Protein backbone atom coordinates (compact mmCIF):
# COMPACT_ATOMS: atom_id res chain seq x y z
CA MET A 1 2.24 30.28 6.93
CA SER A 2 0.46 28.58 9.70
CA LEU A 3 1.73 28.82 13.13
CA PHE A 4 0.06 25.48 13.95
CA PHE A 5 2.27 23.18 11.71
CA TRP A 6 2.68 20.72 14.49
CA LYS A 7 -1.46 19.57 13.79
CA LYS A 8 -0.08 18.40 10.54
CA ASN A 9 2.55 16.16 12.28
CA LYS A 10 0.06 12.64 12.84
CA GLY A 11 -0.51 13.24 8.91
CA ILE A 12 2.50 13.77 7.74
CA ASP A 13 3.71 10.67 9.96
CA ILE A 14 0.72 8.32 8.79
CA PHE A 15 1.70 9.18 5.48
CA ALA A 16 5.04 8.58 5.74
CA ASN A 17 4.78 5.30 7.35
CA LYS A 18 2.37 4.45 4.60
CA LEU A 19 4.92 5.34 1.84
CA ALA A 20 7.35 3.42 3.74
CA ASN A 21 5.15 -0.01 3.99
CA GLU A 22 4.24 0.19 0.12
CA LEU A 23 7.61 0.36 -0.97
CA PHE A 24 8.74 -2.52 1.85
CA SER A 25 5.57 -4.79 0.00
CA SER A 26 6.42 -4.05 -3.19
CA VAL A 27 10.61 -4.00 -3.29
CA GLN A 28 12.59 -5.57 -0.79
CA PRO A 29 15.29 -4.30 1.10
CA GLN A 30 18.07 -6.61 -1.03
CA SER A 31 16.40 -5.41 -4.32
CA ILE A 32 17.15 -1.54 -3.23
CA LYS A 33 20.39 -2.48 -2.37
CA ASP A 34 21.38 -4.05 -5.70
CA TYR A 35 19.62 -1.28 -7.43
CA PHE A 36 22.50 1.33 -5.90
CA HIS A 37 25.28 -0.74 -5.65
CA ALA A 38 24.66 -3.43 -8.89
CA SER A 39 25.99 -2.72 -11.93
CA SER A 40 26.24 -6.14 -14.14
CA LYS A 41 24.29 -6.38 -17.18
CA ASP A 42 22.43 -9.53 -16.22
CA LYS A 43 19.00 -9.61 -17.49
CA SER A 44 17.67 -10.28 -14.37
CA ALA A 45 19.16 -7.53 -12.72
CA LYS A 46 18.21 -4.90 -15.19
CA LYS A 47 13.91 -6.53 -14.94
CA ASN A 48 14.45 -5.86 -11.31
CA LYS A 49 16.40 -2.36 -11.76
CA LYS A 50 13.41 -1.45 -13.90
CA ASN A 51 10.50 -2.74 -11.10
CA VAL A 52 12.60 -0.84 -8.53
CA ASP A 53 12.67 2.33 -10.69
CA ALA A 54 9.03 2.06 -11.54
CA ASN A 55 8.06 1.65 -7.87
CA ILE A 56 10.81 4.52 -6.64
CA GLN A 57 9.20 6.67 -8.85
CA GLY A 58 5.85 6.04 -8.21
CA ILE A 59 6.60 6.91 -4.63
CA ILE A 60 8.26 10.36 -5.59
CA LYS A 61 4.64 11.06 -7.27
CA GLN A 62 2.87 10.48 -4.12
CA ILE A 63 5.00 12.70 -2.38
CA GLN A 64 4.78 15.51 -4.68
CA GLN A 65 0.85 15.54 -4.55
CA PHE A 66 1.26 15.08 -0.89
CA ARG A 67 3.31 18.17 -0.42
CA VAL A 68 0.92 20.00 -2.85
CA THR A 69 -2.73 19.13 -1.37
CA HIS A 70 -1.43 19.71 2.15
CA SER A 71 0.67 22.83 1.37
CA LEU A 72 3.63 21.56 3.35
CA GLY A 73 6.25 24.18 4.10
CA THR A 74 10.14 23.12 5.02
CA TYR A 75 9.32 21.95 8.45
CA GLY A 76 6.90 19.56 6.77
CA LYS A 77 9.10 18.56 4.03
CA ALA A 78 11.65 17.31 6.34
CA ARG A 79 9.65 15.21 9.08
CA LEU A 80 8.30 13.41 5.71
CA GLN A 81 11.61 12.61 4.72
CA LEU A 82 12.59 11.97 8.23
CA LYS A 83 9.72 8.96 9.36
CA PHE A 84 10.18 8.09 5.78
CA ASN A 85 13.60 7.14 6.25
CA GLU A 86 13.22 6.32 10.09
CA ARG A 87 10.55 3.75 8.67
CA LEU A 88 12.80 2.11 6.11
CA LYS A 89 15.65 1.70 8.52
CA GLU A 90 12.61 -0.19 10.67
CA LEU A 91 11.53 -2.45 7.99
CA GLY A 92 14.79 -3.77 7.63
CA TYR A 93 16.66 -1.24 4.84
CA ASP A 94 20.33 -0.69 5.38
CA LYS A 95 22.06 2.32 6.23
CA ASP A 96 23.72 3.11 3.32
CA SER A 97 20.44 2.21 0.93
CA VAL A 98 18.26 4.49 2.60
CA SER A 99 20.76 7.52 2.36
CA ARG A 100 20.90 6.88 -1.18
CA LEU A 101 17.46 6.59 -1.51
CA ASN A 102 16.67 9.63 0.48
CA GLU A 103 19.08 11.61 -1.88
CA PHE A 104 17.68 10.39 -4.96
CA ILE A 105 14.05 11.13 -3.95
CA LEU A 106 15.18 14.98 -2.81
CA VAL A 107 16.92 15.35 -5.92
CA ASN A 108 13.93 14.25 -8.02
CA THR A 109 11.14 16.56 -5.86
CA PRO A 110 11.02 19.98 -6.31
């Protein structure tokens, strides 16, 4: 374990902001809110749910690759999630949706 983990912070912050911006460009805040809260059987809601799910899965894959290539420890993983969540809130995602998205990502990334 490297004692100089803070040198990676800038790279982690840049990556987290890039991911959040990427998610924002493809999935608007209302779509994320609907994804976690809607249970309608409307066809447009199903299409939206598939689109959001595909984007979230892409984010999860990128996080997994980043963790492996940069060999993040516990601190690095926590910082990545924290910065990602902060940026989503800055972009206009509501607190509950960010929290649920965070849980979803944590459960689906080993």
